[in-house]
Amino acid sequence: MNNGLPQIKIAPMPERKTILVVDDEPDLLLILKDFLSEKYNVLSANNGEEAYGIVENKTSRPDLVLSDINMPQMDGVTLLKKIRETYPAIGVMMLSGQGDVRTAVEAMRLGAQDYISKPVQVFEEINIRIANYFDKQKIENQLAEFVKLRESLYSQVKILTFVSFDVVDSHGLKLGTDVLLAQYTFIEYHKFLEEIIRHYNGAINGTAGDGVMCSFESAQGAVEMAIEVHHQLKTFNQAKNKLFHPFRLRCGIHTGSAVVNKEGRVDQMFAQVLDVAGHIQKQCPENEIYISKETYDEITLKHEFLPLNTEVDGVATFKYKGNK
């Protein structure tokens, strides 16, 4: 029921970690279990064999094992080896007596996360060591997720060339013209543009108003397509344009990396190259083609372009010589 008061969302309590304490000293086992139970779910075992049975049980499998080294039936180092071989995600810390320091160091070499000397003088030290382990584990898990995400992201990165077209003063083109006739003419314009884009193996990424953004895997193909559009524009104006004024276009082209999703569509959140192409187009005079240095470097038509003394978004630009 909402009485107009702001709704308070209560965050779920963090899941309590489970710790398995293993020691053949009943008194120490009881003390450790009682002490750690304030923050963790605690299981206990008297020897390595019993402890490994708990580890093997999926319903009782712990997040961390705190084990003595010297125990009957199965010692702590053997338990450590078996856990590391079969359940490497479970952390293991060793409890070592004064005479077990060398063995504890060997246990660290075998994969133990830490060791704590016995007799335990300050039990809070155990809490700190355990908390540090879980904090480190959390960071490592987050890092692993980040690496996985980055690998997934970069596996979808492609070098593409984006071409941005826009109609100069499209509003003025439509003034004084029958609405249906204007709509028909602009539909024909988009069909004209799409046909040439497809012919050069381009993909249309989106439209905004009368602007069109398309992409090409080949920078050469993108530039050849843009040149073809401008050469064919006069024919379009004569044959298909039913308006009082001719279509005039601006064109900007830029090459760079972009993220492509599973459907093959460019993810616009990760496509700065797309924005740069649009910005280059906006700086372009009517019936001109501007390309970036990155696109220029990829084409064989360099002799058809002249360098400009301006940059767009920090990118050097070139203009097509054949428009005039």
C-alpha atoms as a PDB file:
ATOM      1  CA  MET A   1       0.000   0.000   0.000  1.00  0.00           C
ATOM      2  CA  ASN A   2       1.400   3.399  -1.001  1.00  0.00           C
ATOM      3  CA  ASN A   3       0.248   6.391   1.081  1.00  0.00           C
ATOM      4  CA  GLY A   4       2.246   8.856  -0.974  1.00  0.00           C
ATOM      5  CA  LEU A   5       5.332   8.208   1.137  1.00  0.00           C
ATOM      6  CA  PRO A   6       8.617   7.303  -0.554  1.00  0.00           C
ATOM      7  CA  GLN A   7       9.159   3.559  -0.746  1.00  0.00           C
ATOM      8  CA  ILE A   8      12.238   2.325   1.056  1.00  0.00           C
ATOM      9  CA  LYS A   9      14.018  -0.600  -0.560  1.00  0.00           C
ATOM     10  CA  ILE A  10      15.784  -2.822   1.925  1.00  0.00           C
ATOM     11  CA  ALA A  11      18.952  -4.343   0.514  1.00  0.00           C
ATOM     12  CA  PRO A  12      19.196  -8.106   0.986  1.00  0.00           C
ATOM     13  CA  MET A  13      21.500  -9.286   3.743  1.00  0.00           C
ATOM     14  CA  PRO A  14      24.809 -10.588   2.392  1.00  0.00           C
ATOM     15  CA  GLU A  15      24.966 -14.372   2.349  1.00  0.00           C
ATOM     16  CA  ARG A  16      26.897 -15.799   5.300  1.00  0.00           C
ATOM     17  CA  LYS A  17      30.015 -17.684   4.320  1.00  0.00           C
ATOM     18  CA  THR A  18      30.559 -21.225   5.561  1.00  0.00           C
ATOM     19  CA  ILE A  19      33.796 -22.203   7.289  1.00  0.00           C
ATOM     20  CA  LEU A  20      34.886 -25.749   8.086  1.00  0.00           C
ATOM     21  CA  VAL A  21      37.154 -25.942  11.151  1.00  0.00           C
ATOM     22  CA  VAL A  22      39.280 -29.105  11.402  1.00  0.00           C
ATOM     23  CA  ASP A  23      41.249 -29.984  14.559  1.00  0.00           C
ATOM     24  CA  ASP A  24      41.727 -33.054  16.749  1.00  0.00           C
ATOM     25  CA  GLU A  25      41.753 -30.945  19.927  1.00  0.00           C
ATOM     26  CA  PRO A  26      38.083 -30.897  21.086  1.00  0.00           C
ATOM     27  CA  ASP A  27      38.483 -27.840  23.324  1.00  0.00           C
ATOM     28  CA  LEU A  28      40.093 -25.691  20.615  1.00  0.00           C
ATOM     29  CA  LEU A  29      37.548 -26.927  18.082  1.00  0.00           C
ATOM     30  CA  LEU A  30      34.686 -25.869  20.365  1.00  0.00           C
ATOM     31  CA  ILE A  31      36.232 -22.445  21.064  1.00  0.00           C
ATOM     32  CA  LEU A  32      36.863 -21.742  17.381  1.00  0.00           C
ATOM     33  CA  LYS A  33      33.385 -22.855  16.400  1.00  0.00           C
ATOM     34  CA  ASP A  34      31.771 -20.664  19.060  1.00  0.00           C
ATOM     35  CA  PHE A  35      33.972 -17.654  18.208  1.00  0.00           C
ATOM     36  CA  LEU A  36      33.484 -17.809  14.432  1.00  0.00           C
ATOM     37  CA  SER A  37      29.736 -18.471  14.611  1.00  0.00           C
ATOM     38  CA  GLU A  38      29.080 -14.771  15.220  1.00  0.00           C
ATOM     39  CA  LYS A  39      29.914 -13.990  11.581  1.00  0.00           C
ATOM     40  CA  TYR A  40      29.915 -17.295   9.722  1.00  0.00           C
ATOM     41  CA  ASN A  41      28.172 -20.610   9.384  1.00  0.00           C
ATOM     42  CA  VAL A  42      30.625 -23.000  11.011  1.00  0.00           C
ATOM     43  CA  LEU A  43      31.067 -26.737  10.472  1.00  0.00           C
ATOM     44  CA  SER A  44      33.595 -28.869  12.334  1.00  0.00           C
ATOM     45  CA  ALA A  45      35.563 -32.083  11.904  1.00  0.00           C
ATOM     46  CA  ASN A  46      38.074 -33.971  14.087  1.00  0.00           C
ATOM     47  CA  ASN A  47      40.404 -35.110  11.300  1.00  0.00           C
ATOM     48  CA  GLY A  48      41.170 -34.689   7.605  1.00  0.00           C
ATOM     49  CA  GLU A  49      39.205 -37.715   6.492  1.00  0.00           C
ATOM     50  CA  GLU A  50      36.015 -36.523   8.166  1.00  0.00           C
ATOM     51  CA  ALA A  51      36.625 -33.009   6.828  1.00  0.00           C
ATOM     52  CA  TYR A  52      37.024 -34.216   3.255  1.00  0.00           C
ATOM     53  CA  GLY A  53      33.731 -36.067   3.522  1.00  0.00           C
ATOM     54  CA  ILE A  54      32.053 -32.757   4.422  1.00  0.00           C
ATOM     55  CA  VAL A  55      33.781 -31.033   1.511  1.00  0.00           C
ATOM     56  CA  GLU A  56      32.552 -33.704  -0.920  1.00  0.00           C
ATOM     57  CA  ASN A  57      28.952 -33.209   0.196  1.00  0.00           C
ATOM     58  CA  LYS A  58      27.530 -30.518  -2.092  1.00  0.00           C
ATOM     59  CA  THR A  59      24.957 -29.378   0.478  1.00  0.00           C
ATOM     60  CA  SER A  60      27.600 -28.763   3.160  1.00  0.00           C
ATOM     61  CA  ARG A  61      30.549 -27.696   0.996  1.00  0.00           C
ATOM     62  CA  PRO A  62      32.340 -24.801   2.758  1.00  0.00           C
ATOM     63  CA  ASP A  63      33.799 -21.599   1.343  1.00  0.00           C
ATOM     64  CA  LEU A  64      36.903 -21.878   3.505  1.00  0.00           C
ATOM     65  CA  VAL A  65      38.641 -24.659   5.454  1.00  0.00           C
ATOM     66  CA  LEU A  66      40.628 -23.821   8.598  1.00  0.00           C
ATOM     67  CA  SER A  67      42.676 -26.946   9.332  1.00  0.00           C
ATOM     68  CA  ASP A  68      45.236 -28.148  11.842  1.00  0.00           C
ATOM     69  CA  ILE A  69      48.349 -29.773  10.353  1.00  0.00           C
ATOM     70  CA  ASN A  70      49.012 -32.745  12.663  1.00  0.00           C
ATOM     71  CA  MET A  71      45.914 -34.958  12.934  1.00  0.00           C
ATOM     72  CA  PRO A  72      45.191 -38.699  12.912  1.00  0.00           C
ATOM     73  CA  GLN A  73      43.782 -40.611   9.879  1.00  0.00           C
ATOM     74  CA  MET A  74      44.475 -37.749   7.444  1.00  0.00           C
ATOM     75  CA  ASP A  75      46.787 -34.823   8.250  1.00  0.00           C
ATOM     76  CA  GLY A  76      46.154 -31.229   7.223  1.00  0.00           C
ATOM     77  CA  VAL A  77      48.661 -31.160   4.344  1.00  0.00           C
ATOM     78  CA  THR A  78      47.081 -34.243   2.733  1.00  0.00           C
ATOM     79  CA  LEU A  79      43.658 -32.648   3.164  1.00  0.00           C
ATOM     80  CA  LEU A  80      44.988 -29.468   1.541  1.00  0.00           C
ATOM     81  CA  LYS A  81      46.327 -31.406  -1.474  1.00  0.00           C
ATOM     82  CA  LYS A  82      43.034 -33.238  -1.999  1.00  0.00           C
ATOM     83  CA  ILE A  83      40.991 -30.038  -1.770  1.00  0.00           C
ATOM     84  CA  ARG A  84      43.311 -28.156  -4.135  1.00  0.00           C
ATOM     85  CA  GLU A  85      43.147 -30.993  -6.670  1.00  0.00           C
ATOM     86  CA  THR A  86      39.379 -31.496  -6.571  1.00  0.00           C
ATOM     87  CA  TYR A  87      37.826 -28.260  -5.295  1.00  0.00           C
ATOM     88  CA  PRO A  88      40.305 -25.446  -6.092  1.00  0.00           C
ATOM     89  CA  ALA A  89      37.675 -22.744  -5.451  1.00  0.00           C
ATOM     90  CA  ILE A  90      37.663 -23.616  -1.721  1.00  0.00           C
ATOM     91  CA  GLY A  91      40.227 -21.698   0.291  1.00  0.00           C
ATOM     92  CA  VAL A  92      42.384 -23.455   2.900  1.00  0.00           C
ATOM     93  CA  MET A  93      44.165 -21.926   5.907  1.00  0.00           C
ATOM     94  CA  MET A  94      46.457 -23.930   8.163  1.00  0.00           C
ATOM     95  CA  LEU A  95      46.734 -23.968  11.965  1.00  0.00           C
ATOM     96  CA  SER A  96      50.335 -24.803  12.856  1.00  0.00           C
ATOM     97  CA  GLY A  97      52.098 -25.478  16.137  1.00  0.00           C
ATOM     98  CA  GLN A  98      55.548 -24.064  16.836  1.00  0.00           C
ATOM     99  CA  GLY A  99      57.199 -27.204  15.493  1.00  0.00           C
ATOM    100  CA  ASP A 100      55.108 -27.137  12.312  1.00  0.00           C
ATOM    101  CA  VAL A 101      56.344 -23.845  10.838  1.00  0.00           C
ATOM    102  CA  ARG A 102      58.381 -25.519   8.100  1.00  0.00           C
ATOM    103  CA  THR A 103      55.425 -27.712   7.214  1.00  0.00           C
ATOM    104  CA  ALA A 104      53.149 -24.655   7.210  1.00  0.00           C
ATOM    105  CA  VAL A 105      55.467 -22.891   4.754  1.00  0.00           C
ATOM    106  CA  GLU A 106      55.363 -25.995   2.548  1.00  0.00           C
ATOM    107  CA  ALA A 107      51.559 -25.892   2.790  1.00  0.00           C
ATOM    108  CA  MET A 108      51.620 -22.311   1.517  1.00  0.00           C
ATOM    109  CA  ARG A 109      53.671 -23.496  -1.458  1.00  0.00           C
ATOM    110  CA  LEU A 110      51.024 -26.148  -2.113  1.00  0.00           C
ATOM    111  CA  GLY A 111      48.261 -23.549  -2.238  1.00  0.00           C
ATOM    112  CA  ALA A 112      47.197 -22.717   1.314  1.00  0.00           C
ATOM    113  CA  GLN A 113      45.974 -19.127   1.584  1.00  0.00           C
ATOM    114  CA  ASP A 114      47.525 -18.482   5.002  1.00  0.00           C
ATOM    115  CA  TYR A 115      48.670 -20.129   8.203  1.00  0.00           C
ATOM    116  CA  ILE A 116      48.017 -19.201  11.832  1.00  0.00           C
ATOM    117  CA  SER A 117      50.363 -20.222  14.625  1.00  0.00           C
ATOM    118  CA  LYS A 118      49.160 -22.245  17.621  1.00  0.00           C
ATOM    119  CA  PRO A 119      48.550 -21.771  20.427  1.00  0.00           C
ATOM    120  CA  VAL A 120      46.206 -18.984  19.350  1.00  0.00           C
ATOM    121  CA  GLN A 121      46.793 -16.010  21.651  1.00  0.00           C
ATOM    122  CA  VAL A 122      44.428 -13.482  20.052  1.00  0.00           C
ATOM    123  CA  PHE A 123      41.376 -15.027  18.416  1.00  0.00           C
ATOM    124  CA  GLU A 124      40.502 -11.741  16.721  1.00  0.00           C
ATOM    125  CA  GLU A 125      43.586 -12.296  14.547  1.00  0.00           C
ATOM    126  CA  ILE A 126      41.808 -15.301  13.019  1.00  0.00           C
ATOM    127  CA  ASN A 127      38.792 -13.121  12.241  1.00  0.00           C
ATOM    128  CA  ILE A 128      41.031 -10.562  10.542  1.00  0.00           C
ATOM    129  CA  ARG A 129      42.850 -13.207   8.467  1.00  0.00           C
ATOM    130  CA  ILE A 130      39.562 -14.780   7.373  1.00  0.00           C
ATOM    131  CA  ALA A 131      37.989 -11.405   6.532  1.00  0.00           C
ATOM    132  CA  ASN A 132      41.084 -10.494   4.497  1.00  0.00           C
ATOM    133  CA  TYR A 133      40.805 -13.758   2.583  1.00  0.00           C
ATOM    134  CA  PHE A 134      37.143 -13.200   1.691  1.00  0.00           C
ATOM    135  CA  ASP A 135      37.832  -9.568   0.718  1.00  0.00           C
ATOM    136  CA  LYS A 136      40.665 -10.707  -1.544  1.00  0.00           C
ATOM    137  CA  GLN A 137      38.469 -13.439  -3.014  1.00  0.00           C
ATOM    138  CA  LYS A 138      35.721 -10.891  -3.746  1.00  0.00           C
ATOM    139  CA  ILE A 139      38.170  -8.615  -5.556  1.00  0.00           C
ATOM    140  CA  GLU A 140      39.583 -11.545  -7.550  1.00  0.00           C
ATOM    141  CA  ASN A 141      36.070 -12.640  -8.543  1.00  0.00           C
ATOM    142  CA  GLN A 142      35.181  -9.104  -9.638  1.00  0.00           C
ATOM    143  CA  LEU A 143      38.422  -8.887 -11.599  1.00  0.00           C
ATOM    144  CA  ALA A 144      37.691 -12.230 -13.266  1.00  0.00           C
ATOM    145  CA  GLU A 145      34.220 -10.985 -14.238  1.00  0.00           C
ATOM    146  CA  PHE A 146      35.733  -7.790 -15.610  1.00  0.00           C
ATOM    147  CA  VAL A 147      38.301  -9.729 -17.651  1.00  0.00           C
ATOM    148  CA  LYS A 148      35.544 -12.008 -18.951  1.00  0.00           C
ATOM    149  CA  LEU A 149      33.418  -8.994 -19.900  1.00  0.00           C
ATOM    150  CA  ARG A 150      36.370  -7.284 -21.567  1.00  0.00           C
ATOM    151  CA  GLU A 151      37.257 -10.401 -23.552  1.00  0.00           C
ATOM    152  CA  SER A 152      33.626 -10.744 -24.615  1.00  0.00           C
ATOM    153  CA  LEU A 153      33.519  -7.081 -25.563  1.00  0.00           C
ATOM    154  CA  TYR A 154      36.761  -7.076 -27.517  1.00  0.00           C
ATOM    155  CA  SER A 155      35.858 -10.300 -29.299  1.00  0.00           C
ATOM    156  CA  GLN A 156      33.067  -8.265 -30.897  1.00  0.00           C
ATOM    157  CA  VAL A 157      35.153  -5.219 -31.810  1.00  0.00           C
ATOM    158  CA  LYS A 158      35.524  -4.523 -35.521  1.00  0.00           C
ATOM    159  CA  ILE A 159      37.275  -1.861 -37.535  1.00  0.00           C
ATOM    160  CA  LEU A 160      34.512  -0.238 -39.563  1.00  0.00           C
ATOM    161  CA  THR A 161      34.134   2.817 -41.749  1.00  0.00           C
ATOM    162  CA  PHE A 162      31.069   4.948 -41.063  1.00  0.00           C
ATOM    163  CA  VAL A 163      29.478   7.235 -43.632  1.00  0.00           C
ATOM    164  CA  SER A 164      27.093   9.973 -42.514  1.00  0.00           C
ATOM    165  CA  PHE A 165      24.787  11.619 -45.075  1.00  0.00           C
ATOM    166  CA  ASP A 166      22.410  14.496 -44.472  1.00  0.00           C
ATOM    167  CA  VAL A 167      20.170  16.595 -46.691  1.00  0.00           C
ATOM    168  CA  VAL A 168      20.990  20.311 -46.659  1.00  0.00           C
ATOM    169  CA  ASP A 169      17.931  22.388 -45.648  1.00  0.00           C
ATOM    170  CA  SER A 170      15.472  19.512 -45.971  1.00  0.00           C
ATOM    171  CA  HIS A 171      12.774  21.711 -44.411  1.00  0.00           C
ATOM    172  CA  GLY A 172      13.203  24.325 -47.148  1.00  0.00           C
ATOM    173  CA  LEU A 173      12.968  21.599 -49.786  1.00  0.00           C
ATOM    174  CA  LYS A 174       9.472  20.715 -48.605  1.00  0.00           C
ATOM    175  CA  LEU A 175       8.112  24.268 -48.347  1.00  0.00           C
ATOM    176  CA  GLY A 176       5.337  25.081 -50.795  1.00  0.00           C
ATOM    177  CA  THR A 177       5.052  21.462 -51.909  1.00  0.00           C
ATOM    178  CA  ASP A 178       2.138  19.076 -51.505  1.00  0.00           C
ATOM    179  CA  VAL A 179       2.747  16.966 -48.382  1.00  0.00           C
ATOM    180  CA  LEU A 180       2.181  13.642 -50.139  1.00  0.00           C
ATOM    181  CA  LEU A 181       4.442  14.657 -53.005  1.00  0.00           C
ATOM    182  CA  ALA A 182       7.177  15.638 -50.561  1.00  0.00           C
ATOM    183  CA  GLN A 183       6.824  12.325 -48.720  1.00  0.00           C
ATOM    184  CA  TYR A 184       6.980  10.413 -51.991  1.00  0.00           C
ATOM    185  CA  THR A 185      10.133  12.263 -53.075  1.00  0.00           C
ATOM    186  CA  PHE A 186      11.934  11.650 -49.787  1.00  0.00           C
ATOM    187  CA  ILE A 187      10.981   7.965 -49.912  1.00  0.00           C
ATOM    188  CA  GLU A 188      12.514   7.833 -53.399  1.00  0.00           C
ATOM    189  CA  TYR A 189      15.616   9.607 -52.070  1.00  0.00           C
ATOM    190  CA  HIS A 190      16.083   7.018 -49.317  1.00  0.00           C
ATOM    191  CA  LYS A 191      15.565   4.193 -51.835  1.00  0.00           C
ATOM    192  CA  PHE A 192      18.162   5.800 -54.121  1.00  0.00           C
ATOM    193  CA  LEU A 193      20.646   6.042 -51.250  1.00  0.00           C
ATOM    194  CA  GLU A 194      19.967   2.543 -49.906  1.00  0.00           C
ATOM    195  CA  GLU A 195      20.411   0.935 -53.333  1.00  0.00           C
ATOM    196  CA  ILE A 196      23.900   2.382 -53.749  1.00  0.00           C
ATOM    197  CA  ILE A 197      24.875   1.575 -50.146  1.00  0.00           C
ATOM    198  CA  ARG A 198      23.833  -2.067 -50.585  1.00  0.00           C
ATOM    199  CA  HIS A 199      25.638  -2.265 -53.943  1.00  0.00           C
ATOM    200  CA  TYR A 200      28.899  -1.414 -52.171  1.00  0.00           C
ATOM    201  CA  ASN A 201      28.203  -3.962 -49.386  1.00  0.00           C
ATOM    202  CA  GLY A 202      27.312  -1.384 -46.780  1.00  0.00           C
ATOM    203  CA  ALA A 203      24.851  -1.673 -43.902  1.00  0.00           C
ATOM    204  CA  ILE A 204      22.457   1.055 -42.830  1.00  0.00           C
ATOM    205  CA  ASN A 205      22.891   1.642 -39.091  1.00  0.00           C
ATOM    206  CA  GLY A 206      20.196   4.218 -38.572  1.00  0.00           C
ATOM    207  CA  THR A 207      18.375   7.309 -39.720  1.00  0.00           C
ATOM    208  CA  ALA A 208      17.686  10.572 -37.932  1.00  0.00           C
ATOM    209  CA  GLY A 209      15.304  12.903 -39.703  1.00  0.00           C
ATOM    210  CA  ASP A 210      16.576  12.862 -43.268  1.00  0.00           C
ATOM    211  CA  GLY A 211      20.099  11.846 -42.240  1.00  0.00           C
ATOM    212  CA  VAL A 212      21.452   8.359 -42.871  1.00  0.00           C
ATOM    213  CA  MET A 213      24.331   6.578 -41.116  1.00  0.00           C
ATOM    214  CA  CYS A 214      25.825   3.491 -42.747  1.00  0.00           C
ATOM    215  CA  SER A 215      28.890   1.318 -42.162  1.00  0.00           C
ATOM    216  CA  PHE A 216      31.346  -0.650 -44.260  1.00  0.00           C
ATOM    217  CA  GLU A 217      33.997  -3.235 -43.466  1.00  0.00           C
ATOM    218  CA  SER A 218      36.060  -1.716 -46.291  1.00  0.00           C
ATOM    219  CA  ALA A 219      37.096   1.942 -46.137  1.00  0.00           C
ATOM    220  CA  GLN A 220      37.713   1.797 -49.878  1.00  0.00           C
ATOM    221  CA  GLY A 221      34.154   0.591 -50.477  1.00  0.00           C
ATOM    222  CA  ALA A 222      32.747   3.314 -48.230  1.00  0.00           C
ATOM    223  CA  VAL A 223      34.558   6.089 -50.088  1.00  0.00           C
ATOM    224  CA  GLU A 224      33.688   4.673 -53.518  1.00  0.00           C
ATOM    225  CA  MET A 225      30.040   4.489 -52.428  1.00  0.00           C
ATOM    226  CA  ALA A 226      30.032   8.130 -51.299  1.00  0.00           C
ATOM    227  CA  ILE A 227      31.590   9.253 -54.584  1.00  0.00           C
ATOM    228  CA  GLU A 228      29.001   7.233 -56.513  1.00  0.00           C
ATOM    229  CA  VAL A 229      26.155   8.873 -54.568  1.00  0.00           C
ATOM    230  CA  HIS A 230      27.406  12.343 -55.410  1.00  0.00           C
ATOM    231  CA  HIS A 231      27.912  11.456 -59.071  1.00  0.00           C
ATOM    232  CA  GLN A 232      24.406   9.965 -59.286  1.00  0.00           C
ATOM    233  CA  LEU A 233      22.695  12.749 -57.323  1.00  0.00           C
ATOM    234  CA  LYS A 234      22.232  14.903 -60.424  1.00  0.00           C
ATOM    235  CA  THR A 235      20.493  12.012 -62.201  1.00  0.00           C
ATOM    236  CA  PHE A 236      18.254  11.463 -59.162  1.00  0.00           C
ATOM    237  CA  ASN A 237      17.285  15.140 -59.070  1.00  0.00           C
ATOM    238  CA  GLN A 238      16.352  15.053 -62.748  1.00  0.00           C
ATOM    239  CA  ALA A 239      14.451  11.743 -62.730  1.00  0.00           C
ATOM    240  CA  LYS A 240      12.922  11.342 -59.262  1.00  0.00           C
ATOM    241  CA  ASN A 241      12.898  14.704 -57.492  1.00  0.00           C
ATOM    242  CA  LYS A 242       9.385  16.205 -57.702  1.00  0.00           C
ATOM    243  CA  LEU A 243      10.214  19.206 -55.522  1.00  0.00           C
ATOM    244  CA  PHE A 244      11.037  22.783 -56.566  1.00  0.00           C
ATOM    245  CA  HIS A 245      14.685  22.567 -55.536  1.00  0.00           C
ATOM    246  CA  PRO A 246      17.403  19.934 -56.000  1.00  0.00           C
ATOM    247  CA  PHE A 247      18.628  17.702 -53.189  1.00  0.00           C
ATOM    248  CA  ARG A 248      21.981  18.847 -51.795  1.00  0.00           C
ATOM    249  CA  LEU A 249      23.960  16.515 -49.538  1.00  0.00           C
ATOM    250  CA  ARG A 250      26.721  16.676 -46.974  1.00  0.00           C
ATOM    251  CA  CYS A 251      28.863  13.579 -46.377  1.00  0.00           C
ATOM    252  CA  GLY A 252      31.328  12.739 -43.579  1.00  0.00           C
ATOM    253  CA  ILE A 253      33.385   9.530 -43.359  1.00  0.00           C
ATOM    254  CA  HIS A 254      35.495   8.125 -40.520  1.00  0.00           C
ATOM    255  CA  THR A 255      37.192   4.780 -39.809  1.00  0.00           C
ATOM    256  CA  GLY A 256      37.715   3.237 -36.376  1.00  0.00           C
ATOM    257  CA  SER A 257      36.789   0.482 -33.943  1.00  0.00           C
ATOM    258  CA  ALA A 258      33.199  -0.255 -32.950  1.00  0.00           C
ATOM    259  CA  VAL A 259      31.446  -2.942 -30.912  1.00  0.00           C
ATOM    260  CA  VAL A 260      29.127  -5.172 -32.909  1.00  0.00           C
ATOM    261  CA  ASN A 261      26.460  -7.145 -31.014  1.00  0.00           C
ATOM    262  CA  LYS A 262      25.361 -10.743 -31.636  1.00  0.00           C
ATOM    263  CA  GLU A 263      22.813  -9.594 -34.219  1.00  0.00           C
ATOM    264  CA  GLY A 264      25.554  -7.826 -36.158  1.00  0.00           C
ATOM    265  CA  ARG A 265      24.328  -4.367 -35.168  1.00  0.00           C
ATOM    266  CA  VAL A 266      26.685  -1.634 -34.050  1.00  0.00           C
ATOM    267  CA  ASP A 267      26.312  -0.852 -30.340  1.00  0.00           C
ATOM    268  CA  GLN A 268      26.028   2.929 -30.349  1.00  0.00           C
ATOM    269  CA  MET A 269      27.084   3.124 -26.684  1.00  0.00           C
ATOM    270  CA  PHE A 270      30.531   1.855 -27.732  1.00  0.00           C
ATOM    271  CA  ALA A 271      30.924   3.583 -31.115  1.00  0.00           C
ATOM    272  CA  GLN A 272      32.660   6.940 -30.798  1.00  0.00           C
ATOM    273  CA  VAL A 273      33.726   6.461 -34.414  1.00  0.00           C
ATOM    274  CA  LEU A 274      30.069   6.793 -35.402  1.00  0.00           C
ATOM    275  CA  ASP A 275      29.811  10.156 -33.624  1.00  0.00           C
ATOM    276  CA  VAL A 276      32.985  11.444 -35.282  1.00  0.00           C
ATOM    277  CA  ALA A 277      31.615  10.582 -38.738  1.00  0.00           C
ATOM    278  CA  GLY A 278      28.483  12.576 -37.904  1.00  0.00           C
ATOM    279  CA  HIS A 279      30.506  15.550 -36.663  1.00  0.00           C
ATOM    280  CA  ILE A 280      32.670  15.537 -39.810  1.00  0.00           C
ATOM    281  CA  GLN A 281      29.502  15.555 -41.913  1.00  0.00           C
ATOM    282  CA  LYS A 282      28.168  18.596 -40.043  1.00  0.00           C
ATOM    283  CA  GLN A 283      31.387  20.521 -40.845  1.00  0.00           C
ATOM    284  CA  CYS A 284      31.142  19.621 -44.520  1.00  0.00           C
ATOM    285  CA  PRO A 285      29.781  22.167 -47.068  1.00  0.00           C
ATOM    286  CA  GLU A 286      26.944  21.120 -49.346  1.00  0.00           C
ATOM    287  CA  ASN A 287      27.731  18.636 -52.120  1.00  0.00           C
ATOM    288  CA  GLU A 288      31.126  17.862 -50.592  1.00  0.00           C
ATOM    289  CA  ILE A 289      32.703  14.719 -49.140  1.00  0.00           C
ATOM    290  CA  TYR A 290      34.974  15.029 -46.101  1.00  0.00           C
ATOM    291  CA  ILE A 291      36.937  12.037 -44.825  1.00  0.00           C
ATOM    292  CA  SER A 292      39.127  11.556 -41.756  1.00  0.00           C
ATOM    293  CA  LYS A 293      42.868  10.836 -41.783  1.00  0.00           C
ATOM    294  CA  GLU A 294      42.050   7.329 -40.517  1.00  0.00           C
ATOM    295  CA  THR A 295      39.915   6.694 -43.605  1.00  0.00           C
ATOM    296  CA  TYR A 296      42.408   8.407 -45.921  1.00  0.00           C
ATOM    297  CA  ASP A 297      45.168   6.064 -44.737  1.00  0.00           C
ATOM    298  CA  GLU A 298      43.108   3.001 -45.751  1.00  0.00           C
ATOM    299  CA  ILE A 299      42.199   3.903 -49.334  1.00  0.00           C
ATOM    300  CA  THR A 300      43.950   3.834 -52.717  1.00  0.00           C
ATOM    301  CA  LEU A 301      42.160   6.995 -53.882  1.00  0.00           C
ATOM    302  CA  LYS A 302      44.485   9.342 -51.992  1.00  0.00           C
ATOM    303  CA  HIS A 303      45.129  11.373 -55.161  1.00  0.00           C
ATOM    304  CA  GLU A 304      41.407  12.281 -55.180  1.00  0.00           C
ATOM    305  CA  PHE A 305      41.593  14.079 -51.823  1.00  0.00           C
ATOM    306  CA  LEU A 306      43.157  17.271 -50.507  1.00  0.00           C
ATOM    307  CA  PRO A 307      44.162  17.848 -46.861  1.00  0.00           C
ATOM    308  CA  LEU A 308      42.232  20.470 -44.904  1.00  0.00           C
ATOM    309  CA  ASN A 309      43.643  22.716 -42.217  1.00  0.00           C
ATOM    310  CA  THR A 310      40.864  21.845 -39.786  1.00  0.00           C
ATOM    311  CA  GLU A 311      40.332  19.019 -37.326  1.00  0.00           C
ATOM    312  CA  VAL A 312      37.056  17.552 -36.115  1.00  0.00           C
ATOM    313  CA  ASP A 313      37.105  15.990 -32.636  1.00  0.00           C
ATOM    314  CA  GLY A 314      40.901  16.023 -32.882  1.00  0.00           C
ATOM    315  CA  VAL A 315      40.823  14.161 -36.207  1.00  0.00           C
ATOM    316  CA  ALA A 316      42.522  15.549 -39.338  1.00  0.00           C
ATOM    317  CA  THR A 317      40.256  15.775 -42.391  1.00  0.00           C
ATOM    318  CA  PHE A 318      40.503  15.661 -46.185  1.00  0.00           C
ATOM    319  CA  LYS A 319      38.098  16.810 -48.920  1.00  0.00           C
ATOM    320  CA  TYR A 320      37.160  15.119 -52.163  1.00  0.00           C
ATOM    321  CA  LYS A 321      38.473  17.072 -55.182  1.00  0.00           C
ATOM    322  CA  GLY A 322      35.941  15.859 -57.713  1.00  0.00           C
ATOM    323  CA  ASN A 323      32.748  17.404 -56.355  1.00  0.00           C
ATOM    324  CA  LYS A 324      32.983  20.781 -58.039  1.00  0.00           C
END
